[in-house]
Amino acid sequence: MYYTATNTTAGAGTANSIGVAFSNDGISWVKYSKNPVITQQDPSKVDVYGAGQAATYNYDGKSGLYLFYTDDTTSNGRRVWLRSTTDGIHFGSPTLISNTSSDDIALCPNDDFAYDWKTGYFYGAIESCDFQRAGESVHYQFGLYRITGADLLKGQGAWEPLGYINSAMTGFSVNHSPGLRRDGFGNSTAWLPLVSVYFAGGTNDPSTWNLSTVGWVPSPNTFALNRYVQYPYGHWVSTGYVDPGYTLESTLGYLYMTQMPGTRPIYSCQLLDGIHHFLSMDQGCESQLPLGVAGWIYLAPPQDVNTVAIYRCNNVNGDHFASTDPKCEGTTVENQGNPLGYARTSP
């Protein structure tokens, strides 16, 4: 077991390193006498996180390991690095892992990885850097990605997005510290095409964090864009979570889980009153409370896909909702009368 070891002579939670402990039964553990086995790359930086958050993959069924970990002491900032070992103790030089993704969402550390030995892909449950609200200590969104093993081990290539887990999907204020279901070596092959992700969900208060899980499958690659209603609060349009008491009014269309040609992200948002919800093209939710990516919507109707225009509406009671009616069912049409985009009419 590799663990984050805190430097007691530095500030709380800083100048960390990685230690290893051994067990024959998974209950009683003995720490390696020459810990740590990995230290931060710049030892002079004692006021930052250092090295930690280890995740491993056993590549030979023996003691050959790839170890992924966080290090924020180099000029690259807070990034994920990879080192290999043949004995579990002595590690080679670090390789900087790619943080590039085809969806242009910045990727952060505190991640987990699993390998599919049939296809040669690594899956990554990776936190989204730009999805952290002011005043909160952790992120509210992470994504599921994959990349070829050849690219990963060379520190190159771009991660392919598969889906996102965020407040809009789960109802939790924060969603972070993901882990993937793997076998004892770090493989996910036995359960594919299902990829199971475990994560901490709750509020910004750590005492509320509970272990939660979500599963991803490749088909269908869309979410239903549903419109719910609860009186007297009004409507809630969502591809994921809604509070108890809301009833389904209609399905407006279907959004893609991830980016497709001709699409852009649409975001779920909540007004600062804590009651009303709306959709926006702005990741920051127009200075309201962001909940994360709801899905991907066409900018213009494609010729080969049946779509329907989605309009953003607002009535006199402040009820924000979405509609397929260009006149917003007799209420105010927002977004200067233009649709937010075009959703599929079927999954």
Protein backbone atom coordinates (compact mmCIF):
# COMPACT_ATOMS: atom_id res chain seq x y z
CA MET A 1 0.00 0.00 0.00
CA TYR A 2 1.31 3.42 -0.98
CA TYR A 3 0.21 6.30 1.21
CA THR A 4 0.71 10.03 1.58
CA ALA A 5 3.12 10.75 4.44
CA THR A 6 2.86 14.19 6.02
CA ASN A 7 6.04 16.03 6.96
CA THR A 8 5.50 16.89 10.63
CA THR A 9 8.21 19.56 10.62
CA ALA A 10 6.52 21.55 7.84
CA GLY A 11 3.13 23.21 7.81
CA ALA A 12 -0.03 21.13 8.04
CA GLY A 13 -0.53 19.16 4.84
CA THR A 14 2.60 20.46 3.11
CA ALA A 15 5.92 18.94 2.01
CA ASN A 16 4.27 15.52 1.74
CA SER A 17 5.99 12.39 0.45
CA ILE A 18 4.92 8.84 -0.41
CA GLY A 19 5.58 5.83 1.78
CA VAL A 20 4.85 2.14 1.36
CA ALA A 21 3.57 -0.50 3.79
CA PHE A 22 3.28 -4.26 3.39
CA SER A 23 0.66 -6.77 4.51
CA ASN A 24 -0.14 -10.43 3.97
CA ASP A 25 -3.77 -10.16 5.05
CA GLY A 26 -4.80 -6.57 4.28
CA ILE A 27 -5.36 -5.95 7.99
CA SER A 28 -1.96 -5.80 9.67
CA TRP A 29 0.51 -3.50 7.95
CA VAL A 30 4.25 -2.96 8.37
CA LYS A 31 5.80 0.26 7.09
CA TYR A 32 8.96 0.01 5.01
CA SER A 33 11.89 0.96 7.23
CA LYS A 34 13.47 3.24 4.61
CA ASN A 35 10.40 5.32 3.79
CA PRO A 36 9.69 7.55 1.96
CA VAL A 37 10.05 5.86 -1.41
CA ILE A 38 9.06 8.97 -3.41
CA THR A 39 9.73 12.55 -2.38
CA GLN A 40 8.85 15.87 -3.97
CA GLN A 41 11.06 16.82 -6.90
CA ASP A 42 12.06 20.19 -5.45
CA PRO A 43 12.83 19.65 -1.74
CA SER A 44 13.27 23.38 -1.14
CA LYS A 45 9.54 24.01 -1.49
CA VAL A 46 8.18 23.23 1.97
CA ASP A 47 5.10 25.46 1.81
CA VAL A 48 3.25 23.51 -0.92
CA TYR A 49 1.57 20.10 -1.07
CA GLY A 50 4.62 18.13 -2.20
CA ALA A 51 4.21 14.54 -3.39
CA GLY A 52 1.21 12.30 -2.64
CA GLN A 53 -2.14 10.92 -3.82
CA ALA A 54 -0.63 7.71 -5.22
CA ALA A 55 -2.45 5.34 -7.59
CA THR A 56 -0.85 2.18 -8.95
CA TYR A 57 -1.05 -0.34 -11.77
CA ASN A 58 0.66 -3.73 -11.55
CA TYR A 59 1.87 -4.50 -15.07
CA ASP A 60 3.52 -7.91 -14.65
CA GLY A 61 1.58 -9.73 -11.92
CA LYS A 62 4.63 -9.54 -9.66
CA SER A 63 6.31 -6.43 -8.28
CA GLY A 64 6.41 -4.37 -11.47
CA LEU A 65 4.34 -1.23 -10.94
CA TYR A 66 3.43 2.05 -12.54
CA LEU A 67 2.79 4.61 -9.82
CA PHE A 68 0.81 7.77 -10.59
CA TYR A 69 1.10 10.60 -8.10
CA THR A 70 0.70 14.34 -7.55
CA ASP A 71 3.69 16.68 -7.33
CA ASP A 72 3.33 20.47 -7.29
CA THR A 73 6.96 21.46 -6.67
CA THR A 74 8.11 21.82 -10.28
CA SER A 75 7.62 24.67 -12.75
CA ASN A 76 4.74 22.65 -14.25
CA GLY A 77 2.52 23.39 -11.26
CA ARG A 78 0.20 20.84 -9.66
CA ARG A 79 0.38 17.86 -12.01
CA VAL A 80 0.24 14.07 -12.18
CA TRP A 81 3.51 12.22 -12.67
CA LEU A 82 4.32 8.58 -13.41
CA ARG A 83 7.20 6.46 -12.14
CA SER A 84 7.87 2.77 -12.63
CA THR A 85 9.45 0.18 -10.36
CA THR A 86 10.40 -3.49 -10.63
CA ASP A 87 10.58 -4.14 -6.89
CA GLY A 88 7.95 -1.80 -5.41
CA ILE A 89 10.59 0.26 -3.60
CA HIS A 90 13.08 1.75 -6.04
CA PHE A 91 11.59 3.99 -8.72
CA GLY A 92 12.81 5.34 -12.03
CA SER A 93 12.75 8.95 -13.17
CA PRO A 94 9.37 10.72 -13.36
CA THR A 95 7.32 11.21 -16.53
CA LEU A 96 4.87 14.11 -16.67
CA ILE A 97 1.42 12.79 -17.60
CA SER A 98 -0.57 14.64 -20.26
CA ASN A 99 -3.28 16.94 -18.90
CA THR A 100 -4.67 17.71 -22.34
CA SER A 101 -8.18 16.63 -23.27
CA SER A 102 -10.14 17.00 -26.48
CA ASP A 103 -12.98 18.77 -24.64
CA ASP A 104 -10.67 21.65 -23.59
CA ILE A 105 -11.47 21.06 -19.90
CA ALA A 106 -8.33 21.50 -17.80
CA LEU A 107 -7.41 18.31 -15.93
CA CYS A 108 -6.25 18.28 -12.31
CA PRO A 109 -4.55 15.76 -9.98
CA ASN A 110 -6.19 13.65 -7.24
CA ASP A 111 -7.18 10.98 -9.76
CA ASP A 112 -7.36 7.24 -10.28
CA PHE A 113 -6.47 5.04 -13.24
CA ALA A 114 -7.36 1.58 -14.54
CA TYR A 115 -6.21 -0.44 -17.53
CA ASP A 116 -8.05 -2.47 -20.15
CA TRP A 117 -5.53 -5.04 -21.32
CA LYS A 118 -7.71 -6.08 -24.26
CA THR A 119 -7.71 -2.68 -25.97
CA GLY A 120 -4.59 -1.12 -24.47
CA TYR A 121 -6.50 1.86 -23.05
CA PHE A 122 -6.04 3.43 -19.66
CA TYR A 123 -9.18 4.88 -18.07
CA GLY A 124 -8.84 7.89 -15.81
CA ALA A 125 -11.26 9.42 -13.31
CA ILE A 126 -9.83 12.94 -13.40
CA GLU A 127 -10.87 16.09 -11.55
CA SER A 128 -11.79 19.22 -13.54
CA CYS A 129 -9.53 22.15 -12.59
CA ASP A 130 -11.90 24.96 -13.51
CA PHE A 131 -14.88 23.49 -11.67
CA GLN A 132 -14.27 24.69 -8.12
CA ARG A 133 -16.41 27.41 -6.58
CA ALA A 134 -15.03 30.32 -4.60
CA GLY A 135 -14.79 29.43 -0.92
CA GLU A 136 -14.85 25.67 -1.50
CA SER A 137 -11.81 23.48 -0.91
CA VAL A 138 -12.51 20.77 -3.50
CA HIS A 139 -13.99 20.42 -6.99
CA TYR A 140 -17.63 19.90 -7.88
CA GLN A 141 -16.91 18.09 -11.16
CA PHE A 142 -14.64 15.35 -12.42
CA GLY A 143 -14.64 13.46 -15.68
CA LEU A 144 -14.16 9.94 -16.94
CA TYR A 145 -11.54 9.78 -19.71
CA ARG A 146 -9.42 7.28 -21.58
CA ILE A 147 -6.11 7.36 -23.44
CA THR A 148 -3.92 4.75 -25.12
CA GLY A 149 -1.33 3.16 -22.89
CA ALA A 150 1.39 4.03 -25.41
CA ASP A 151 0.57 7.74 -25.16
CA LEU A 152 0.10 7.70 -21.40
CA LEU A 153 3.45 6.12 -20.64
CA LYS A 154 5.22 8.62 -22.91
CA GLY A 155 3.46 11.61 -21.36
CA GLN A 156 1.84 12.60 -24.62
CA GLY A 157 -1.52 12.53 -26.39
CA ALA A 158 -4.93 13.87 -25.42
CA TRP A 159 -7.44 12.24 -23.09
CA GLU A 160 -10.75 11.28 -24.70
CA PRO A 161 -13.72 12.39 -22.56
CA LEU A 162 -16.42 9.80 -21.84
CA GLY A 163 -18.64 11.61 -19.33
CA TYR A 164 -18.79 13.97 -16.36
CA ILE A 165 -19.83 13.58 -12.74
CA ASN A 166 -20.89 16.84 -11.12
CA SER A 167 -23.47 18.58 -8.96
CA ALA A 168 -25.96 18.57 -11.83
CA MET A 169 -25.80 14.78 -11.97
CA THR A 170 -25.48 13.85 -8.29
CA GLY A 171 -27.12 16.65 -6.30
CA PHE A 172 -24.00 16.93 -4.12
CA SER A 173 -22.39 20.32 -3.76
CA VAL A 174 -18.92 18.81 -4.23
CA ASN A 175 -17.83 15.66 -6.06
CA HIS A 176 -14.18 14.71 -5.77
CA SER A 177 -11.44 12.16 -4.98
CA PRO A 178 -12.62 9.59 -7.55
CA GLY A 179 -11.58 5.95 -7.69
CA LEU A 180 -12.21 3.30 -10.35
CA ARG A 181 -13.36 -0.28 -9.89
CA ARG A 182 -10.36 -2.46 -10.71
CA ASP A 183 -9.11 -5.96 -10.05
CA GLY A 184 -6.16 -6.61 -7.74
CA PHE A 185 -3.70 -5.60 -10.46
CA GLY A 186 -5.48 -2.43 -11.57
CA ASN A 187 -7.38 -3.80 -14.58
CA SER A 188 -10.96 -2.82 -15.45
CA THR A 189 -11.33 -5.35 -18.28
CA ALA A 190 -13.52 -7.83 -16.39
CA TRP A 191 -16.39 -5.33 -16.01
CA LEU A 192 -16.27 -3.52 -19.33
CA PRO A 193 -18.17 -1.98 -21.02
CA LEU A 194 -19.34 -0.86 -17.56
CA VAL A 195 -16.91 1.47 -15.81
CA SER A 196 -17.76 2.03 -12.13
CA VAL A 197 -16.51 5.16 -10.41
CA TYR A 198 -16.48 5.77 -6.66
CA PHE A 199 -16.14 9.26 -5.22
CA ALA A 200 -16.71 11.52 -2.24
CA GLY A 201 -19.90 13.58 -2.39
CA GLY A 202 -21.37 16.10 0.03
CA THR A 203 -20.98 19.75 0.94
CA ASN A 204 -17.80 21.71 1.50
CA ASP A 205 -17.83 20.36 5.08
CA PRO A 206 -15.69 17.16 5.12
CA SER A 207 -17.94 15.61 7.78
CA THR A 208 -20.68 15.33 5.11
CA TRP A 209 -18.58 13.43 2.57
CA ASN A 210 -20.03 10.01 1.81
CA LEU A 211 -18.80 7.33 -0.57
CA SER A 212 -20.95 7.35 -3.69
CA THR A 213 -20.80 5.50 -6.98
CA VAL A 214 -21.87 5.98 -10.57
CA GLY A 215 -21.57 3.70 -13.60
CA TRP A 216 -20.75 4.59 -17.21
CA VAL A 217 -21.58 2.59 -20.34
CA PRO A 218 -20.81 3.70 -23.91
CA SER A 219 -24.34 3.40 -25.26
CA PRO A 220 -26.52 5.35 -25.39
CA ASN A 221 -24.16 8.33 -25.35
CA THR A 222 -26.94 10.80 -24.57
CA PHE A 223 -28.92 12.09 -21.59
CA ALA A 224 -32.61 12.90 -21.60
CA LEU A 225 -33.17 16.63 -21.08
CA ASN A 226 -36.15 16.43 -18.75
CA ARG A 227 -38.42 19.19 -17.50
CA TYR A 228 -39.78 18.73 -13.98
CA VAL A 229 -42.18 20.84 -11.95
CA GLN A 230 -43.05 21.28 -8.29
CA TYR A 231 -45.46 23.91 -7.02
CA PRO A 232 -44.94 26.56 -5.77
CA TYR A 233 -41.25 26.44 -6.74
CA GLY A 234 -41.75 26.02 -10.48
CA HIS A 235 -39.67 24.13 -13.03
CA TRP A 236 -36.32 22.38 -12.98
CA VAL A 237 -34.76 21.30 -16.29
CA SER A 238 -32.08 18.67 -15.78
CA THR A 239 -30.22 15.74 -17.33
CA GLY A 240 -29.51 14.34 -13.87
CA TYR A 241 -30.52 15.02 -10.28
CA VAL A 242 -33.66 16.81 -9.10
CA ASP A 243 -34.86 17.21 -5.52
CA PRO A 244 -37.62 14.95 -4.17
CA GLY A 245 -41.09 16.31 -4.86
CA TYR A 246 -40.48 17.28 -8.48
CA THR A 247 -42.50 15.38 -11.07
CA LEU A 248 -41.60 14.80 -14.70
CA GLU A 249 -43.51 17.13 -17.00
CA SER A 250 -41.88 16.34 -20.35
CA THR A 251 -38.69 15.28 -22.12
CA LEU A 252 -37.50 18.16 -24.27
CA GLY A 253 -34.82 16.25 -26.16
CA TYR A 254 -31.48 14.53 -25.68
CA LEU A 255 -28.00 15.94 -25.05
CA TYR A 256 -24.70 14.19 -25.69
CA MET A 257 -22.61 13.05 -22.72
CA THR A 258 -19.47 14.51 -24.30
CA GLN A 259 -18.39 16.68 -27.18
CA MET A 260 -19.48 15.68 -30.68
CA PRO A 261 -18.85 17.53 -33.96
CA GLY A 262 -20.89 20.72 -34.08
CA THR A 263 -21.77 20.76 -30.37
CA ARG A 264 -20.92 22.91 -27.37
CA PRO A 265 -21.43 22.40 -23.64
CA ILE A 266 -24.54 23.61 -21.88
CA TYR A 267 -24.41 24.11 -18.11
CA SER A 268 -26.80 23.52 -15.22
CA CYS A 269 -27.14 26.46 -12.86
CA GLN A 270 -28.97 27.46 -9.70
CA LEU A 271 -30.04 30.94 -8.70
CA LEU A 272 -28.48 32.26 -5.53
CA ASP A 273 -31.94 32.03 -3.92
CA GLY A 274 -31.28 28.28 -3.69
CA ILE A 275 -34.61 27.44 -5.32
CA HIS A 276 -34.74 28.16 -9.03
CA HIS A 277 -32.64 26.42 -11.69
CA PHE A 278 -31.79 27.29 -15.27
CA LEU A 279 -29.60 26.33 -18.23
CA SER A 280 -26.81 28.55 -19.49
CA MET A 281 -24.07 28.64 -22.10
CA ASP A 282 -21.84 30.30 -19.49
CA GLN A 283 -19.71 27.97 -17.35
CA GLY A 284 -19.86 30.55 -14.57
CA CYS A 285 -23.68 30.55 -14.75
CA GLU A 286 -23.94 34.32 -15.15
CA SER A 287 -22.67 34.92 -11.59
CA GLN A 288 -25.14 32.44 -10.12
CA LEU A 289 -24.31 28.98 -8.70
CA PRO A 290 -22.69 26.62 -11.26
CA LEU A 291 -23.57 22.91 -11.09
CA GLY A 292 -21.50 21.61 -14.01
CA VAL A 293 -21.89 20.40 -17.57
CA ALA A 294 -25.43 19.19 -18.29
CA GLY A 295 -24.50 17.88 -21.73
CA TRP A 296 -23.49 18.91 -25.22
CA ILE A 297 -25.95 20.55 -27.60
CA TYR A 298 -25.76 21.37 -31.31
CA LEU A 299 -25.03 24.98 -32.24
CA ALA A 300 -27.05 24.56 -35.44
CA PRO A 301 -29.33 21.76 -36.63
CA PRO A 302 -27.24 19.17 -38.51
CA GLN A 303 -28.55 17.74 -41.75
CA ASP A 304 -28.25 14.09 -40.73
CA VAL A 305 -29.70 14.24 -37.19
CA ASN A 306 -33.27 15.05 -36.14
CA THR A 307 -33.15 17.90 -33.63
CA VAL A 308 -35.39 20.36 -31.84
CA ALA A 309 -34.60 23.92 -30.77
CA ILE A 310 -34.36 24.53 -27.01
CA TYR A 311 -35.37 27.98 -25.73
CA ARG A 312 -34.74 29.52 -22.32
CA CYS A 313 -37.83 31.04 -20.72
CA ASN A 314 -38.80 33.09 -17.68
CA ASN A 315 -42.25 33.87 -16.33
CA VAL A 316 -43.42 36.70 -14.09
CA ASN A 317 -42.86 34.61 -10.95
CA GLY A 318 -39.15 34.18 -11.68
CA ASP A 319 -39.63 30.59 -12.83
CA HIS A 320 -36.78 29.81 -15.23
CA PHE A 321 -37.38 26.87 -17.53
CA ALA A 322 -36.69 25.56 -21.03
CA SER A 323 -39.13 24.89 -23.82
CA THR A 324 -39.29 23.73 -27.42
CA ASP A 325 -41.81 26.52 -28.11
CA PRO A 326 -40.21 29.59 -29.77
CA LYS A 327 -42.70 31.75 -27.83
CA CYS A 328 -41.91 30.06 -24.49
CA GLU A 329 -45.54 29.08 -23.96
CA GLY A 330 -46.60 32.69 -23.53
CA THR A 331 -43.78 33.71 -21.16
CA THR A 332 -40.61 35.76 -21.72
CA VAL A 333 -38.12 34.36 -24.23
CA GLU A 334 -34.58 34.88 -22.95
CA ASN A 335 -31.26 34.78 -24.84
CA GLN A 336 -32.53 37.55 -27.17
CA GLY A 337 -35.08 35.16 -28.57
CA ASN A 338 -32.44 32.75 -29.84
CA PRO A 339 -32.40 29.08 -28.93
CA LEU A 340 -29.73 27.80 -26.57
CA GLY A 341 -29.06 25.14 -29.17
CA TYR A 342 -30.55 22.10 -30.80
CA ALA A 343 -31.11 18.83 -28.95
CA ARG A 344 -31.57 15.40 -30.48
CA THR A 345 -35.18 14.22 -30.66
CA SER A 346 -34.19 10.64 -29.79
CA PRO A 347 -31.39 8.96 -27.84
